Protein backbone atom coordinates (compact mmCIF):
# COMPACT_ATOMS: atom_id res chain seq x y z
CA MET A 1 33.40 -37.07 2.61
CA LEU A 2 34.76 -34.24 0.51
CA GLU A 3 33.48 -31.66 3.01
CA ALA A 4 35.44 -33.30 5.84
CA GLN A 5 38.62 -33.41 3.79
CA ALA A 6 38.31 -29.82 2.60
CA ARG A 7 37.02 -28.62 5.99
CA LYS A 8 34.49 -26.59 4.07
CA VAL A 9 30.77 -27.03 3.36
CA ASP A 10 28.91 -25.35 0.54
CA TRP A 11 25.52 -24.47 2.01
CA PRO A 12 24.05 -21.89 -0.39
CA ASP A 13 20.49 -22.02 0.98
CA VAL A 14 21.53 -21.07 4.54
CA ASP A 15 22.44 -17.49 5.43
CA GLU A 16 25.05 -16.62 8.03
CA ALA A 17 22.61 -15.52 10.76
CA THR A 18 20.59 -18.74 10.45
CA PHE A 19 23.77 -20.83 10.60
CA PHE A 20 24.91 -19.03 13.77
CA ARG A 21 21.56 -19.70 15.46
CA LEU A 22 21.77 -23.35 14.47
CA CYS A 23 25.24 -23.59 16.01
CA GLU A 24 24.04 -21.79 19.14
CA PHE A 25 21.21 -24.29 19.52
CA ALA A 26 23.58 -27.22 18.99
CA TYR A 27 25.71 -26.08 21.94
CA LEU A 28 23.10 -24.55 24.26
CA GLN A 29 19.81 -26.18 23.23
CA ASN A 30 18.57 -22.62 22.80
CA TYR A 31 19.12 -19.70 20.44
CA THR A 32 18.92 -15.91 20.49
CA PRO A 33 16.12 -14.49 18.32
CA PRO A 34 16.85 -11.50 16.07
CA ARG A 35 15.93 -8.01 17.19
CA PRO A 36 13.54 -5.66 15.37
CA LYS A 37 14.80 -2.77 13.27
CA LEU A 38 13.66 0.82 13.12
CA ILE A 39 11.76 2.25 10.16
CA ASP A 40 13.82 5.27 9.18
CA ASP A 41 11.17 7.24 7.27
CA PRO A 42 8.60 8.78 9.69
CA ALA A 43 6.16 9.22 6.78
CA LYS A 44 5.77 5.45 6.66
CA TRP A 45 4.58 5.13 10.24
CA LYS A 46 2.18 8.01 10.72
CA GLY A 47 -0.92 5.99 11.55
CA ASN A 48 -4.56 6.99 11.93
CA SER A 49 -6.04 4.23 14.05
CA ASN A 50 -7.39 3.35 17.47
CA GLU A 51 -5.96 1.46 20.42
CA GLU A 52 -6.40 -2.29 20.71
CA PRO A 53 -8.40 -3.68 23.64
CA GLU A 54 -6.39 -5.59 26.22
CA PHE A 55 -5.54 -9.16 25.23
CA GLU A 56 -7.09 -11.49 27.78
CA SER A 57 -4.69 -14.38 28.29
CA LYS A 58 -4.18 -17.17 30.75
CA PRO A 59 -1.26 -16.87 33.23
CA ASP A 60 0.72 -19.52 31.32
CA ASP A 61 0.64 -17.32 28.23
CA ASP A 62 2.37 -14.34 29.88
CA PRO A 63 6.17 -14.28 29.51
CA LYS A 64 8.37 -13.91 32.56
CA PRO A 65 10.70 -10.91 32.99
CA GLY A 66 13.92 -11.23 31.06
CA ASP A 67 17.08 -9.30 30.40
CA HIS A 68 16.63 -8.40 26.73
CA PRO A 69 17.81 -4.84 26.02
CA GLU A 70 15.20 -2.29 25.10
CA VAL A 71 15.01 -1.20 21.47
CA PRO A 72 15.28 2.61 21.33
CA SER A 73 12.12 4.23 19.98
CA PRO A 74 11.91 7.61 18.23
CA GLU A 75 9.59 10.24 19.61
CA PRO A 76 6.06 9.63 18.29
CA VAL A 77 4.98 11.89 15.45
CA GLY A 78 1.28 12.43 14.86
CA ASN A 79 -1.36 9.82 15.62
CA ASP A 80 0.42 6.45 15.80
CA GLN A 81 -2.13 4.23 17.50
CA GLU A 82 -2.86 0.64 16.62
CA LEU A 83 -5.27 -0.52 13.93
CA PRO A 84 -8.91 -0.60 15.09
CA PHE A 85 -10.99 -3.73 15.49
CA ASN A 86 -14.12 -4.12 13.36
CA HIS A 87 -16.48 -4.96 16.23
CA ARG A 88 -19.54 -4.78 14.00
CA TYR A 89 -18.66 -7.98 12.17
CA ILE A 90 -16.39 -10.04 14.42
CA SER A 91 -16.43 -11.01 18.10
CA THR A 92 -12.84 -9.89 18.64
CA LYS A 93 -12.52 -11.10 22.22
CA TYR A 94 -13.72 -14.56 21.26
CA LEU A 95 -11.28 -14.80 18.34
CA LYS A 96 -8.30 -13.61 20.36
CA ASN A 97 -9.07 -15.92 23.27
CA ASN A 98 -9.85 -19.05 21.25
CA ALA A 99 -7.89 -18.97 17.99
CA PHE A 100 -4.37 -18.61 19.38
CA ARG A 101 -3.41 -20.65 22.45
CA TRP A 102 -0.25 -22.58 23.21
CA GLY A 103 -2.27 -25.77 23.58
CA HIS A 104 -2.85 -25.73 19.82
CA PHE A 105 0.83 -26.47 19.14
CA PHE A 106 3.00 -29.53 19.87
CA VAL A 107 0.64 -31.15 22.35
CA GLY A 108 2.32 -33.54 24.76
CA ALA A 109 5.94 -34.65 24.84
CA ALA A 110 6.94 -32.62 21.78
CA GLN A 111 6.52 -29.33 23.64
CA PRO A 112 9.63 -27.53 24.91
CA SER A 113 10.43 -28.25 28.53
CA GLU A 114 9.14 -25.86 31.17
CA ARG A 115 12.69 -24.60 31.73
CA LYS A 116 13.08 -23.66 28.08
CA ARG A 117 9.57 -22.24 27.89
CA VAL A 118 9.69 -19.93 30.89
CA ASN A 119 13.14 -19.29 32.26
CA VAL A 120 15.20 -18.47 29.21
CA PHE A 121 13.04 -16.30 26.98
CA THR A 122 11.17 -13.02 27.10
CA PRO A 123 9.85 -12.00 23.68
CA PRO A 124 10.62 -8.68 22.03
CA GLU A 125 7.57 -6.43 22.13
CA ASN A 126 6.80 -3.75 19.56
CA THR A 127 5.90 -0.39 21.04
CA GLY A 128 4.99 1.64 17.95
CA PRO A 129 4.65 1.75 14.16
CA TRP A 130 8.30 2.78 13.78
CA GLU A 131 9.54 -0.78 14.47
CA ASP A 132 10.13 -3.33 11.71
CA PHE A 133 9.59 -6.88 12.99
CA SER A 134 10.35 -8.56 9.66
CA PRO A 135 13.72 -9.88 10.91
CA VAL A 136 12.15 -11.25 14.10
CA LEU A 137 9.58 -13.30 12.21
CA LEU A 138 11.28 -14.20 8.94
CA GLU A 139 14.70 -15.14 10.30
CA GLN A 140 13.17 -17.53 12.82
CA ALA A 141 10.97 -18.95 10.07
CA ARG A 142 14.14 -19.64 8.05
CA LEU A 143 15.61 -21.46 11.03
CA TYR A 144 12.44 -23.54 11.27
CA VAL A 145 12.67 -24.46 7.58
CA LEU A 146 16.27 -25.59 8.13
CA ALA A 147 15.27 -27.63 11.19
CA ASP A 148 12.48 -29.26 9.22
CA LYS A 149 14.72 -30.04 6.24
CA TYR A 150 17.35 -31.78 8.37
CA CYS A 151 14.90 -33.33 10.88
CA ILE A 152 16.16 -31.39 13.90
CA ASP A 153 13.03 -32.21 15.86
CA SER A 154 14.22 -30.74 19.16
CA LEU A 155 14.63 -27.29 17.57
CA ARG A 156 11.26 -26.99 15.87
CA PRO A 157 9.07 -26.60 19.00
CA VAL A 158 11.51 -24.11 20.51
CA ILE A 159 11.13 -21.88 17.44
CA ILE A 160 7.36 -22.24 17.52
CA PHE A 161 7.29 -21.29 21.20
CA LYS A 162 9.44 -18.18 20.74
CA LEU A 163 7.34 -16.98 17.81
CA TYR A 164 4.14 -17.77 19.70
CA ARG A 165 5.22 -15.67 22.68
CA THR A 166 6.23 -12.85 20.33
CA LEU A 167 2.97 -12.84 18.40
CA ARG A 168 0.88 -12.98 21.59
CA ARG A 169 2.09 -9.47 22.41
CA PHE A 170 2.46 -8.19 18.86
CA LYS A 171 0.62 -4.96 18.03
CA LEU A 172 -0.66 -4.37 14.52
CA TYR A 173 -0.11 -1.05 12.75
CA ASP A 174 -0.44 0.06 9.13
CA THR A 175 3.32 -0.34 8.82
CA ASN A 176 3.48 -4.02 9.79
CA LEU A 177 0.46 -5.54 8.04
CA GLU A 178 2.63 -6.48 5.07
CA THR A 179 5.17 -7.96 7.50
CA ILE A 180 2.58 -10.44 8.77
CA VAL A 181 1.38 -11.34 5.27
CA GLU A 182 4.93 -11.80 3.94
CA PHE A 183 5.71 -13.96 6.97
CA ALA A 184 2.69 -16.10 6.10
CA ARG A 185 3.73 -16.29 2.45
CA PHE A 186 7.23 -17.41 3.34
CA VAL A 187 5.96 -20.08 5.70
CA TYR A 188 3.51 -21.51 3.18
CA MET A 189 6.09 -21.51 0.41
CA ASN A 190 8.75 -23.30 2.46
CA THR A 191 7.04 -25.72 4.86
CA PRO A 192 5.27 -29.06 4.31
CA GLN A 193 1.50 -29.28 4.50
CA LEU A 194 1.52 -31.97 7.17
CA TYR A 195 3.62 -32.96 10.17
CA ALA A 196 2.74 -36.20 11.97
CA ASN A 197 -0.50 -36.35 9.97
CA LYS A 198 -1.56 -32.89 11.16
CA ILE A 199 -1.10 -29.39 9.79
CA ASP A 200 2.53 -28.32 10.05
CA PRO A 201 3.00 -26.45 13.39
CA MET A 202 4.46 -23.34 11.73
CA ARG A 203 1.54 -23.14 9.31
CA ASN A 204 -0.81 -23.68 12.22
CA LEU A 205 0.89 -20.84 14.10
CA VAL A 206 0.47 -18.50 11.13
CA VAL A 207 -3.18 -19.17 10.35
CA ARG A 208 -4.23 -19.20 14.00
CA TYR A 209 -2.51 -15.90 14.68
CA MET A 210 -4.08 -14.30 11.61
CA ALA A 211 -7.49 -15.64 12.62
CA SER A 212 -7.04 -14.18 16.11
CA VAL A 213 -6.46 -10.67 14.67
CA LEU A 214 -8.91 -10.97 11.78
CA ALA A 215 -10.90 -7.98 13.02
CA GLN A 216 -7.79 -5.83 12.50
CA LEU A 217 -6.86 -7.41 9.18
CA LEU A 218 -10.30 -6.93 7.60
CA GLY A 219 -10.01 -4.65 4.58
CA SER A 220 -6.24 -5.10 4.32
CA GLU A 221 -5.28 -5.20 0.63
CA CYS A 222 -2.28 -7.45 1.23
CA LEU A 223 -4.43 -10.03 3.04
CA GLN A 224 -7.14 -9.80 0.38
CA GLU A 225 -4.56 -10.53 -2.31
CA MET A 226 -3.31 -13.58 -0.44
CA LEU A 227 -6.84 -14.89 0.08
CA GLU A 228 -7.63 -14.40 -3.61
CA GLU A 229 -4.71 -16.66 -4.48
CA GLY A 230 -6.47 -19.54 -2.73
CA GLY A 231 -4.47 -22.69 -2.11
CA PRO A 232 -3.45 -24.31 1.20
CA PHE A 233 -3.39 -21.02 3.13
CA LEU A 234 -7.03 -20.22 2.36
CA ARG A 235 -8.04 -23.80 3.18
CA ASP A 236 -6.22 -23.79 6.54
CA PHE A 237 -7.42 -20.28 7.38
CA TRP A 238 -11.04 -21.28 6.73
CA ASN A 239 -10.65 -24.50 8.73
CA VAL A 240 -9.40 -22.55 11.76
CA LEU A 241 -12.28 -20.06 11.57
CA TRP A 242 -14.77 -22.91 11.13
CA SER A 243 -13.37 -24.82 14.11
CA ILE A 244 -13.58 -21.73 16.31
CA ASN A 245 -17.17 -21.09 15.23
CA GLY A 246 -18.01 -24.73 15.87
CA ASN A 247 -16.81 -24.40 19.47
CA SER A 248 -18.80 -21.25 20.17
């Protein structure tokens, strides 16, 4: 092969950070997720919302203590609470407890081992509207796309698990609504519709998470725009909501 002779590979669709995580996984069967960034302009994260009710989860869904360094947070300015839930229209507790569970993803042997699931990962947790989680979500989605393209089946469920744990504790603010929608857009533009005759696990992760926080997303212009576009996302999103309603 020319690449072997030249000791150089031209891989234009893979950025450096994604390549490093792929190499890390090849050696360690694990990888280090990216860290969130800080939003520099305080004017962008002055919210006007209410706190989220506690997320009721099963013990298996709670991450174990880890040694990830804390991300420094600026002093809060003004009212910076989370987006409110629209209780009048949606049973928020039912959505959060039934739309987004680990059992929905990679059932059976394809799941990461218990050692990988529990002992080696504690998700980053956002503490305020001043944190930008775009790198955390999008960079791992890029790694998933690479794993799917080259059939690295052992990596895919590890990525899903890390993102699942992250989103379970993710707090929605005005400043990160677009982050979630852009994450969904990227996933639906770069992943296959089906995996093993079922919805692709990353797509399933996206639509189930968005269904679980629908009461916070209601009225969001960026979500409305994505829904108006129709296509596979709207179909999958509706199917998830319908399946939850059918089990109620």
